[in-house]
Amino acid sequence: MTDLPDDEKQIREHAAWVGKWRAYLEIFIQNQVDTVAMLDSMQSSISELDSYESKLRRYVKAKDIAVVFDQPERHLSDAINYLAKNHDTWLSARAKAEEDNTGESADDEKFEELNNYLEQLRNFIKVQSGQDQVSFLQVLSLERLNRKVPGRDYSRRITEASLTMLVAETELFASRLVRKFIEAKPGILIADEIKLGWREIQNYENVAELQDLLVSRKTDEIAAKSFDDFNYWFAKQVGEIEVDESILNLVNDATQLRHLIIHSGSRITERALGQLRGSRYSKRMLGKRIPLTSSDLATFASAQITYSLILWILLVSKLAKSNAGRSEHVFGSISQIQVLLLEKNLPEPIILTRDLVSRQAKSEMDADIAFVNHCLAKGQIGDSSYLVEVSEWDCHAKSEIIQLVKVVLEGNLTAAAQRAEDLIASGVLPKRNLYEWPVFAPLRSL
């Protein structure tokens, strides 16, 4: 196997270093997205199950519905089959009762309607179980609890549990960044007055293990700070967190609400009112359950992703600053993160970090990419104001690919498709770019 030239080795090493940092952020973003999606899926499942149960109760006795909804030890498909096989008996009995009381027989349409409900329910459970058997059984368990303990809103508890997961992931991500930063900048520890007993020192075989202890202690100390104090430390050591105050307020409020869920039974306390910053948290809510919906969760997740993205950009840029090779790869990772955000339909973090990302651009092409991703993000939220900037974007001296991008952003897709075809044929535009670059998505269906 031929050895790589030294310069190519360095390039790969620099790319791997930045790529590792990018992986931390990608995992965090995916976890936030998954938590919100899981909540939406479970709430949707609960709503649909309630709908099916409500429909079935028109024709089937409650004890027979329990075969499906209240007996987890029975296989779901067997339970549905049981309903399907016996519904005609139940309907016949009801029809006879109606005839005895009114002299009229039950309408045959009821038989057909119930058959449809049962078939829909069978398909629904089949799909849900196939996608995530464990998650769906959890939904069924919550439905059982809701019926067995009236007045206990277990569906709401799913939402609250989801918020605690979102906040925990954000704190864990920030803590990981801090730890990696201290490991790279151990001089931070010098200012601390470190006190270690001789017995404690003897527990460690070498200096590396002892240093790991000190880094862990410092990380825990910083992670334990209040939200504002953490931001102050970060600004002092890494860089100023420049973002709209509304984002910081949302991240703060998510943390405060998590605290109330864990320590106050989800009820708003007087102390919490002094720390919550949202306008909807007022004195009239004292002692009441915190207002929390699936939509709120998505808003909190978007704010936490924006906040974490800023921390990541500032920290990675600072660590790479002294290494030109690494620094050149930072913007590439930022643009890849932006593509991920666009794919996940999370445009707000891109829009809110525009200035910060633009400052990381090392070339005209970097600046163009940042501009294009910003325009795509604006388009995702239905804000057409970016079209003014696109019309003023002078691309005459730029590459043919960038000129094509402008035509796409302007919405002239017919002309763009023809030009893309010509550029692919001439070898100027690699065909894979048509499928990898988000800006070209409208051309793929033409």
Foldseek 3Di string as FASTA:
>chain_A
DDDDPPVVVLLVVLLVVLVVLLVLLVVLLVQLLVLLVLLVVLVVLLVVVVVLVVLCVVQDDPVLVCLQQPDPVDDNLVSLVVCVVCSVVSQQVVQVVCCVVPVHGDDPVSVVVVVVSSVVVNVVVVVVCVVPVVSVVVSSVLVNVCVVDPPDNVSVVSQLVSLLSSLVSLLVSVLVLQLVLCVLVVVVCVPDDDDDDPVRVVVDDDVVVVSNVSSVVVSVVLSPDQLVSNQVVCCVPFRHQDFPVVLSLLSQQSVLQNCCVPPPVQADAPVSLVRRDDPVRDPVRHRHHDDTDSVSSVVSNLSSSLSSLSSSLRSQCRSCVVPVSSLVSNLVSVLVVLLVCVVSLNLVSLQRCLVVSCVSDPDPVSNLSSLLSNLSSCVSVVNNPSLVVLVVDDCPVPDLVSVLLSCLSNPVQVVSLVSVVVCCVVVNDPPVCCVRPPSNVVNPVD
